[in-house]
Amino acid sequence: LDKGAMVDRTIHITQAVEYVGVVLATETDEAMAVFLQEAYRHHKKVALTRPAFAGPTGIDPDAPGVTTEPGAFFDALALHRHWGR
């Protein structure tokens, strides 16, 4: 491992409910869209590195707990869930 974090699980063997928040840093495929929708439905925090990435997922980028700003995402992590959406 040169730099970064070691990956020990893939999207195919994990569930969104196991995470406090999810960062979408690339365009989605079908598996990622389902994973992100599940996180969203469980009121988890969602960060989009680009607002356009939300389109294929059906997630409202302006919904509570969804952000494109890194600082806002980290602030949102301090809350348990975003029940307002």
PDB file of N, CA and C in Angstrom:
ATOM      1  N   LEU A   1       0.858  -1.176   0.000  1.00  0.00           N
ATOM      2  CA  LEU A   1       0.000   0.000   0.000  1.00  0.00           C
ATOM      3  C   LEU A   1       0.897   1.229   0.000  1.00  0.00           C
ATOM      4  N   ASP A   2       0.838   1.987  -1.069  1.00  0.00           N
ATOM      5  CA  ASP A   2       1.688   3.151  -1.226  1.00  0.00           C
ATOM      6  C   ASP A   2       1.129   4.342  -0.464  1.00  0.00           C
ATOM      7  N   LYS A   3      -0.089   4.770  -0.788  1.00  0.00           N
ATOM      8  CA  LYS A   3      -0.762   5.873  -0.116  1.00  0.00           C
ATOM      9  C   LYS A   3      -2.244   5.573  -0.087  1.00  0.00           C
ATOM     10  N   GLY A   4      -2.954   6.203   0.819  1.00  0.00           N
ATOM     11  CA  GLY A   4      -4.403   6.038   0.851  1.00  0.00           C
ATOM     12  C   GLY A   4      -4.844   4.990   1.846  1.00  0.00           C
ATOM     13  N   ALA A   5      -6.056   4.534   1.654  1.00  0.00           N
ATOM     14  CA  ALA A   5      -6.655   3.581   2.585  1.00  0.00           C
ATOM     15  C   ALA A   5      -6.806   2.220   1.922  1.00  0.00           C
ATOM     16  N   MET A   6      -6.684   1.182   2.732  1.00  0.00           N
ATOM     17  CA  MET A   6      -6.866  -0.162   2.232  1.00  0.00           C
ATOM     18  C   MET A   6      -8.367  -0.450   2.106  1.00  0.00           C
ATOM     19  N   VAL A   7      -8.766  -1.031   1.028  1.00  0.00           N
ATOM     20  CA  VAL A   7     -10.160  -1.403   0.813  1.00  0.00           C
ATOM     21  C   VAL A   7     -10.339  -2.844   1.248  1.00  0.00           C
ATOM     22  N   ASP A   8     -11.250  -3.070   2.196  1.00  0.00           N
ATOM     23  CA  ASP A   8     -11.477  -4.438   2.653  1.00  0.00           C
ATOM     24  C   ASP A   8     -12.884  -4.937   2.342  1.00  0.00           C
ATOM     25  N   ARG A   9     -13.723  -4.079   1.779  1.00  0.00           N
ATOM     26  CA  ARG A   9     -15.074  -4.466   1.389  1.00  0.00           C
ATOM     27  C   ARG A   9     -15.457  -3.709   0.137  1.00  0.00           C
ATOM     28  N   THR A  10     -16.273  -4.329  -0.682  1.00  0.00           N
ATOM     29  CA  THR A  10     -16.758  -3.669  -1.885  1.00  0.00           C
ATOM     30  C   THR A  10     -18.239  -3.357  -1.720  1.00  0.00           C
ATOM     31  N   ILE A  11     -18.747  -2.598  -2.640  1.00  0.00           N
ATOM     32  CA  ILE A  11     -20.160  -2.228  -2.603  1.00  0.00           C
ATOM     33  C   ILE A  11     -21.061  -3.461  -2.709  1.00  0.00           C
ATOM     34  N   HIS A  12     -20.531  -4.534  -3.258  1.00  0.00           N
ATOM     35  CA  HIS A  12     -21.327  -5.739  -3.457  1.00  0.00           C
ATOM     36  C   HIS A  12     -21.442  -6.604  -2.203  1.00  0.00           C
ATOM     37  N   ILE A  13     -20.611  -6.337  -1.186  1.00  0.00           N
ATOM     38  CA  ILE A  13     -20.678  -7.160   0.029  1.00  0.00           C
ATOM     39  C   ILE A  13     -20.892  -6.331   1.292  1.00  0.00           C
ATOM     40  N   THR A  14     -21.394  -5.129   1.132  1.00  0.00           N
ATOM     41  CA  THR A  14     -21.675  -4.274   2.280  1.00  0.00           C
ATOM     42  C   THR A  14     -23.054  -3.652   2.100  1.00  0.00           C
ATOM     43  N   GLN A  15     -23.551  -3.021   3.153  1.00  0.00           N
ATOM     44  CA  GLN A  15     -24.848  -2.356   3.098  1.00  0.00           C
ATOM     45  C   GLN A  15     -24.695  -0.919   3.562  1.00  0.00           C
ATOM     46  N   ALA A  16     -25.480  -0.034   2.975  1.00  0.00           N
ATOM     47  CA  ALA A  16     -25.395   1.388   3.289  1.00  0.00           C
ATOM     48  C   ALA A  16     -25.723   1.678   4.750  1.00  0.00           C
ATOM     49  N   VAL A  17     -26.548   0.859   5.372  1.00  0.00           N
ATOM     50  CA  VAL A  17     -26.923   1.110   6.766  1.00  0.00           C
ATOM     51  C   VAL A  17     -25.748   0.958   7.713  1.00  0.00           C
ATOM     52  N   GLU A  18     -24.655   0.369   7.263  1.00  0.00           N
ATOM     53  CA  GLU A  18     -23.467   0.192   8.091  1.00  0.00           C
ATOM     54  C   GLU A  18     -22.624   1.462   8.198  1.00  0.00           C
ATOM     55  N   TYR A  19     -22.966   2.484   7.450  1.00  0.00           N
ATOM     56  CA  TYR A  19     -22.154   3.694   7.386  1.00  0.00           C
ATOM     57  C   TYR A  19     -22.916   4.896   7.936  1.00  0.00           C
ATOM     58  N   VAL A  20     -22.183   5.863   8.415  1.00  0.00           N
ATOM     59  CA  VAL A  20     -22.766   7.105   8.911  1.00  0.00           C
ATOM     60  C   VAL A  20     -23.063   8.040   7.742  1.00  0.00           C
ATOM     61  N   GLY A  21     -22.222   7.994   6.743  1.00  0.00           N
ATOM     62  CA  GLY A  21     -22.392   8.838   5.577  1.00  0.00           C
ATOM     63  C   GLY A  21     -21.729   8.218   4.366  1.00  0.00           C
ATOM     64  N   VAL A  22     -22.091   8.728   3.199  1.00  0.00           N
ATOM     65  CA  VAL A  22     -21.570   8.207   1.936  1.00  0.00           C
ATOM     66  C   VAL A  22     -21.125   9.389   1.087  1.00  0.00           C
ATOM     67  N   VAL A  23     -19.959   9.267   0.471  1.00  0.00           N
ATOM     68  CA  VAL A  23     -19.457  10.275  -0.449  1.00  0.00           C
ATOM     69  C   VAL A  23     -19.472   9.681  -1.851  1.00  0.00           C
ATOM     70  N   LEU A  24     -20.151  10.349  -2.765  1.00  0.00           N
ATOM     71  CA  LEU A  24     -20.184   9.919  -4.157  1.00  0.00           C
ATOM     72  C   LEU A  24     -19.190  10.779  -4.918  1.00  0.00           C
ATOM     73  N   ALA A  25     -18.084  10.171  -5.331  1.00  0.00           N
ATOM     74  CA  ALA A  25     -17.003  10.919  -5.958  1.00  0.00           C
ATOM     75  C   ALA A  25     -16.843  10.631  -7.440  1.00  0.00           C
ATOM     76  N   THR A  26     -17.784   9.899  -8.017  1.00  0.00           N
ATOM     77  CA  THR A  26     -17.707   9.562  -9.431  1.00  0.00           C
ATOM     78  C   THR A  26     -19.116   9.336  -9.967  1.00  0.00           C
ATOM     79  N   GLU A  27     -19.235   9.193 -11.262  1.00  0.00           N
ATOM     80  CA  GLU A  27     -20.536   8.869 -11.833  1.00  0.00           C
ATOM     81  C   GLU A  27     -20.960   7.491 -11.339  1.00  0.00           C
ATOM     82  N   THR A  28     -22.261   7.273 -11.244  1.00  0.00           N
ATOM     83  CA  THR A  28     -22.747   6.029 -10.673  1.00  0.00           C
ATOM     84  C   THR A  28     -23.017   4.961 -11.723  1.00  0.00           C
ATOM     85  N   ASP A  29     -22.896   3.728 -11.267  1.00  0.00           N
ATOM     86  CA  ASP A  29     -23.427   2.618 -12.039  1.00  0.00           C
ATOM     87  C   ASP A  29     -24.664   2.143 -11.280  1.00  0.00           C
ATOM     88  N   GLU A  30     -25.301   1.097 -11.721  1.00  0.00           N
ATOM     89  CA  GLU A  30     -26.543   0.656 -11.097  1.00  0.00           C
ATOM     90  C   GLU A  30     -26.346   0.252  -9.633  1.00  0.00           C
ATOM     91  N   ALA A  31     -25.277  -0.469  -9.343  1.00  0.00           N
ATOM     92  CA  ALA A  31     -25.030  -0.918  -7.968  1.00  0.00           C
ATOM     93  C   ALA A  31     -24.812   0.271  -7.035  1.00  0.00           C
ATOM     94  N   MET A  32     -24.052   1.253  -7.482  1.00  0.00           N
ATOM     95  CA  MET A  32     -23.789   2.432  -6.647  1.00  0.00           C
ATOM     96  C   MET A  32     -25.050   3.251  -6.464  1.00  0.00           C
ATOM     97  N   ALA A  33     -25.874   3.371  -7.482  1.00  0.00           N
ATOM     98  CA  ALA A  33     -27.119   4.126  -7.366  1.00  0.00           C
ATOM     99  C   ALA A  33     -28.025   3.489  -6.319  1.00  0.00           C
ATOM    100  N   VAL A  34     -28.123   2.173  -6.318  1.00  0.00           N
ATOM    101  CA  VAL A  34     -28.946   1.468  -5.323  1.00  0.00           C
ATOM    102  C   VAL A  34     -28.373   1.680  -3.931  1.00  0.00           C
ATOM    103  N   PHE A  35     -27.063   1.566  -3.790  1.00  0.00           N
ATOM    104  CA  PHE A  35     -26.395   1.767  -2.501  1.00  0.00           C
ATOM    105  C   PHE A  35     -26.665   3.174  -1.974  1.00  0.00           C
ATOM    106  N   LEU A  36     -26.524   4.167  -2.833  1.00  0.00           N
ATOM    107  CA  LEU A  36     -26.739   5.553  -2.436  1.00  0.00           C
ATOM    108  C   LEU A  36     -28.198   5.811  -2.066  1.00  0.00           C
ATOM    109  N   GLN A  37     -29.124   5.258  -2.840  1.00  0.00           N
ATOM    110  CA  GLN A  37     -30.548   5.405  -2.531  1.00  0.00           C
ATOM    111  C   GLN A  37     -30.876   4.774  -1.177  1.00  0.00           C
ATOM    112  N   GLU A  38     -30.269   3.640  -0.879  1.00  0.00           N
ATOM    113  CA  GLU A  38     -30.494   2.987   0.409  1.00  0.00           C
ATOM    114  C   GLU A  38     -29.981   3.865   1.551  1.00  0.00           C
ATOM    115  N   ALA A  39     -28.800   4.433   1.390  1.00  0.00           N
ATOM    116  CA  ALA A  39     -28.253   5.329   2.412  1.00  0.00           C
ATOM    117  C   ALA A  39     -29.177   6.531   2.606  1.00  0.00           C
ATOM    118  N   TYR A  40     -29.641   7.084   1.512  1.00  0.00           N
ATOM    119  CA  TYR A  40     -30.533   8.240   1.557  1.00  0.00           C
ATOM    120  C   TYR A  40     -31.837   7.889   2.279  1.00  0.00           C
ATOM    121  N   ARG A  41     -32.430   6.749   1.963  1.00  0.00           N
ATOM    122  CA  ARG A  41     -33.687   6.334   2.604  1.00  0.00           C
ATOM    123  C   ARG A  41     -33.522   6.054   4.095  1.00  0.00           C
ATOM    124  N   HIS A  42     -32.297   5.732   4.503  1.00  0.00           N
ATOM    125  CA  HIS A  42     -32.018   5.513   5.919  1.00  0.00           C
ATOM    126  C   HIS A  42     -31.550   6.795   6.601  1.00  0.00           C
ATOM    127  N   HIS A  43     -31.756   7.918   5.931  1.00  0.00           N
ATOM    128  CA  HIS A  43     -31.456   9.251   6.469  1.00  0.00           C
ATOM    129  C   HIS A  43     -29.970   9.452   6.781  1.00  0.00           C
ATOM    130  N   LYS A  44     -29.109   8.786   6.037  1.00  0.00           N
ATOM    131  CA  LYS A  44     -27.663   8.954   6.200  1.00  0.00           C
ATOM    132  C   LYS A  44     -27.216  10.215   5.476  1.00  0.00           C
ATOM    133  N   LYS A  45     -26.050  10.700   5.837  1.00  0.00           N
ATOM    134  CA  LYS A  45     -25.493  11.871   5.167  1.00  0.00           C
ATOM    135  C   LYS A  45     -24.986  11.459   3.797  1.00  0.00           C
ATOM    136  N   VAL A  46     -25.154  12.326   2.816  1.00  0.00           N
ATOM    137  CA  VAL A  46     -24.702  12.057   1.453  1.00  0.00           C
ATOM    138  C   VAL A  46     -23.931  13.268   0.958  1.00  0.00           C
ATOM    139  N   ALA A  47     -22.732  13.030   0.477  1.00  0.00           N
ATOM    140  CA  ALA A  47     -21.932  14.093  -0.127  1.00  0.00           C
ATOM    141  C   ALA A  47     -21.743  13.764  -1.597  1.00  0.00           C
ATOM    142  N   LEU A  48     -21.925  14.766  -2.428  1.00  0.00           N
ATOM    143  CA  LEU A  48     -21.726  14.635  -3.866  1.00  0.00           C
ATOM    144  C   LEU A  48     -20.572  15.540  -4.250  1.00  0.00           C
ATOM    145  N   THR A  49     -19.544  15.001  -4.876  1.00  0.00           N
ATOM    146  CA  THR A  49     -18.444  15.867  -5.289  1.00  0.00           C
ATOM    147  C   THR A  49     -18.846  16.758  -6.450  1.00  0.00           C
ATOM    148  N   ARG A  50     -19.899  16.337  -7.183  1.00  0.00           N
ATOM    149  CA  ARG A  50     -20.492  17.154  -8.245  1.00  0.00           C
ATOM    150  C   ARG A  50     -22.008  16.990  -8.166  1.00  0.00           C
ATOM    151  N   PRO A  51     -22.756  18.076  -8.164  1.00  0.00           N
ATOM    152  CA  PRO A  51     -24.219  17.969  -8.103  1.00  0.00           C
ATOM    153  C   PRO A  51     -24.810  17.117  -9.219  1.00  0.00           C
ATOM    154  N   ALA A  52     -24.178  17.114 -10.389  1.00  0.00           N
ATOM    155  CA  ALA A  52     -24.696  16.337 -11.520  1.00  0.00           C
ATOM    156  C   ALA A  52     -24.703  14.840 -11.234  1.00  0.00           C
ATOM    157  N   PHE A  53     -23.864  14.376 -10.308  1.00  0.00           N
ATOM    158  CA  PHE A  53     -23.824  12.957  -9.981  1.00  0.00           C
ATOM    159  C   PHE A  53     -25.133  12.482  -9.360  1.00  0.00           C
ATOM    160  N   ALA A  54     -25.928  13.390  -8.808  1.00  0.00           N
ATOM    161  CA  ALA A  54     -27.182  13.010  -8.154  1.00  0.00           C
ATOM    162  C   ALA A  54     -28.250  12.608  -9.155  1.00  0.00           C
ATOM    163  N   GLY A  55     -28.182  13.131 -10.359  1.00  0.00           N
ATOM    164  CA  GLY A  55     -29.220  12.891 -11.359  1.00  0.00           C
ATOM    165  C   GLY A  55     -29.633  11.441 -11.520  1.00  0.00           C
ATOM    166  N   PRO A  56     -28.720  10.540 -11.853  1.00  0.00           N
ATOM    167  CA  PRO A  56     -29.094   9.144 -12.069  1.00  0.00           C
ATOM    168  C   PRO A  56     -29.573   8.421 -10.808  1.00  0.00           C
ATOM    169  N   THR A  57     -29.287   8.981  -9.642  1.00  0.00           N
ATOM    170  CA  THR A  57     -29.687   8.319  -8.397  1.00  0.00           C
ATOM    171  C   THR A  57     -31.089   8.707  -7.957  1.00  0.00           C
ATOM    172  N   GLY A  58     -31.599   9.825  -8.479  1.00  0.00           N
ATOM    173  CA  GLY A  58     -32.916  10.298  -8.061  1.00  0.00           C
ATOM    174  C   GLY A  58     -32.886  11.016  -6.721  1.00  0.00           C
ATOM    175  N   ILE A  59     -31.708  11.307  -6.209  1.00  0.00           N
ATOM    176  CA  ILE A  59     -31.568  11.989  -4.921  1.00  0.00           C
ATOM    177  C   ILE A  59     -31.545  13.492  -5.152  1.00  0.00           C
ATOM    178  N   ASP A  60     -32.308  14.216  -4.338  1.00  0.00           N
ATOM    179  CA  ASP A  60     -32.368  15.673  -4.421  1.00  0.00           C
ATOM    180  C   ASP A  60     -31.097  16.257  -3.804  1.00  0.00           C
ATOM    181  N   PRO A  61     -30.239  16.921  -4.590  1.00  0.00           N
ATOM    182  CA  PRO A  61     -29.002  17.471  -4.035  1.00  0.00           C
ATOM    183  C   PRO A  61     -29.223  18.597  -3.036  1.00  0.00           C
ATOM    184  N   ASP A  62     -30.463  19.115  -2.959  1.00  0.00           N
ATOM    185  CA  ASP A  62     -30.770  20.186  -2.009  1.00  0.00           C
ATOM    186  C   ASP A  62     -31.482  19.670  -0.762  1.00  0.00           C
ATOM    187  N   ALA A  63     -31.648  18.370  -0.626  1.00  0.00           N
ATOM    188  CA  ALA A  63     -32.339  17.794   0.530  1.00  0.00           C
ATOM    189  C   ALA A  63     -31.476  17.928   1.787  1.00  0.00           C
ATOM    190  N   PRO A  64     -32.102  17.978   2.967  1.00  0.00           N
ATOM    191  CA  PRO A  64     -31.326  18.027   4.206  1.00  0.00           C
ATOM    192  C   PRO A  64     -30.378  16.828   4.299  1.00  0.00           C
ATOM    193  N   GLY A  65     -29.140  17.101   4.672  1.00  0.00           N
ATOM    194  CA  GLY A  65     -28.156  16.031   4.823  1.00  0.00           C
ATOM    195  C   GLY A  65     -27.461  15.642   3.540  1.00  0.00           C
ATOM    196  N   VAL A  66     -27.783  16.332   2.432  1.00  0.00           N
ATOM    197  CA  VAL A  66     -27.105  16.103   1.150  1.00  0.00           C
ATOM    198  C   VAL A  66     -26.330  17.374   0.836  1.00  0.00           C
ATOM    199  N   THR A  67     -25.071  17.245   0.512  1.00  0.00           N
ATOM    200  CA  THR A  67     -24.252  18.428   0.288  1.00  0.00           C
ATOM    201  C   THR A  67     -23.188  18.184  -0.768  1.00  0.00           C
ATOM    202  N   THR A  68     -22.658  19.268  -1.304  1.00  0.00           N
ATOM    203  CA  THR A  68     -21.509  19.216  -2.201  1.00  0.00           C
ATOM    204  C   THR A  68     -20.296  19.888  -1.560  1.00  0.00           C
ATOM    205  N   GLU A  69     -20.484  20.377  -0.344  1.00  0.00           N
ATOM    206  CA  GLU A  69     -19.413  21.070   0.370  1.00  0.00           C
ATOM    207  C   GLU A  69     -18.780  20.152   1.411  1.00  0.00           C
ATOM    208  N   PRO A  70     -17.471  19.915   1.349  1.00  0.00           N
ATOM    209  CA  PRO A  70     -16.833  19.014   2.319  1.00  0.00           C
ATOM    210  C   PRO A  70     -17.055  19.429   3.775  1.00  0.00           C
ATOM    211  N   GLY A  71     -16.953  20.717   4.070  1.00  0.00           N
ATOM    212  CA  GLY A  71     -17.146  21.178   5.447  1.00  0.00           C
ATOM    213  C   GLY A  71     -18.546  20.887   5.946  1.00  0.00           C
ATOM    214  N   ALA A  72     -19.543  21.090   5.099  1.00  0.00           N
ATOM    215  CA  ALA A  72     -20.927  20.822   5.481  1.00  0.00           C
ATOM    216  C   ALA A  72     -21.138  19.332   5.702  1.00  0.00           C
ATOM    217  N   PHE A  73     -20.473  18.492   4.917  1.00  0.00           N
ATOM    218  CA  PHE A  73     -20.596  17.044   5.095  1.00  0.00           C
ATOM    219  C   PHE A  73     -20.052  16.633   6.461  1.00  0.00           C
ATOM    220  N   PHE A  74     -18.887  17.159   6.813  1.00  0.00           N
ATOM    221  CA  PHE A  74     -18.303  16.803   8.110  1.00  0.00           C
ATOM    222  C   PHE A  74     -19.144  17.334   9.266  1.00  0.00           C
ATOM    223  N   ASP A  75     -19.734  18.517   9.106  1.00  0.00           N
ATOM    224  CA  ASP A  75     -20.651  19.027  10.129  1.00  0.00           C
ATOM    225  C   ASP A  75     -21.881  18.126  10.235  1.00  0.00           C
ATOM    226  N   ALA A  76     -22.385  17.663   9.097  1.00  0.00           N
ATOM    227  CA  ALA A  76     -23.566  16.797   9.090  1.00  0.00           C
ATOM    228  C   ALA A  76     -23.282  15.448   9.741  1.00  0.00           C
ATOM    229  N   LEU A  77     -22.041  14.988   9.666  1.00  0.00           N
ATOM    230  CA  LEU A  77     -21.691  13.719  10.298  1.00  0.00           C
ATOM    231  C   LEU A  77     -21.870  13.769  11.813  1.00  0.00           C
ATOM    232  N   ALA A  78     -21.824  14.965  12.383  1.00  0.00           N
ATOM    233  CA  ALA A  78     -21.998  15.110  13.817  1.00  0.00           C
ATOM    234  C   ALA A  78     -23.423  14.800  14.248  1.00  0.00           C
ATOM    235  N   LEU A  79     -24.363  14.859  13.317  1.00  0.00           N
ATOM    236  CA  LEU A  79     -25.754  14.526  13.615  1.00  0.00           C
ATOM    237  C   LEU A  79     -25.952  13.045  13.369  1.00  0.00           C
ATOM    238  N   HIS A  80     -26.864  12.430  14.099  1.00  0.00           N
ATOM    239  CA  HIS A  80     -27.061  10.993  13.912  1.00  0.00           C
ATOM    240  C   HIS A  80     -27.658  10.689  12.549  1.00  0.00           C
ATOM    241  N   ARG A  81     -28.788  11.277  12.257  1.00  0.00           N
ATOM    242  CA  ARG A  81     -29.440  11.085  10.965  1.00  0.00           C
ATOM    243  C   ARG A  81     -30.171  12.360  10.586  1.00  0.00           C
ATOM    244  N   HIS A  82     -30.626  12.423   9.370  1.00  0.00           N
ATOM    245  CA  HIS A  82     -31.350  13.584   8.883  1.00  0.00           C
ATOM    246  C   HIS A  82     -32.806  13.208   8.708  1.00  0.00           C
ATOM    247  N   TRP A  83     -33.542  13.309   9.798  1.00  0.00           N
ATOM    248  CA  TRP A  83     -34.941  12.886   9.823  1.00  0.00           C
ATOM    249  C   TRP A  83     -35.850  13.815   9.042  1.00  0.00           C
ATOM    250  N   GLY A  84     -35.379  15.020   8.709  1.00  0.00           N
ATOM    251  CA  GLY A  84     -36.229  16.009   8.041  1.00  0.00           C
ATOM    252  C   GLY A  84     -36.486  15.750   6.571  1.00  0.00           C
ATOM    253  N   ARG A  85     -35.919  14.723   6.016  1.00  0.00           N
ATOM    254  CA  ARG A  85     -36.185  14.506   4.582  1.00  0.00           C
ATOM    255  C   ARG A  85     -37.052  13.301   4.342  1.00  0.00           C
TER     256      ARG A  85
END
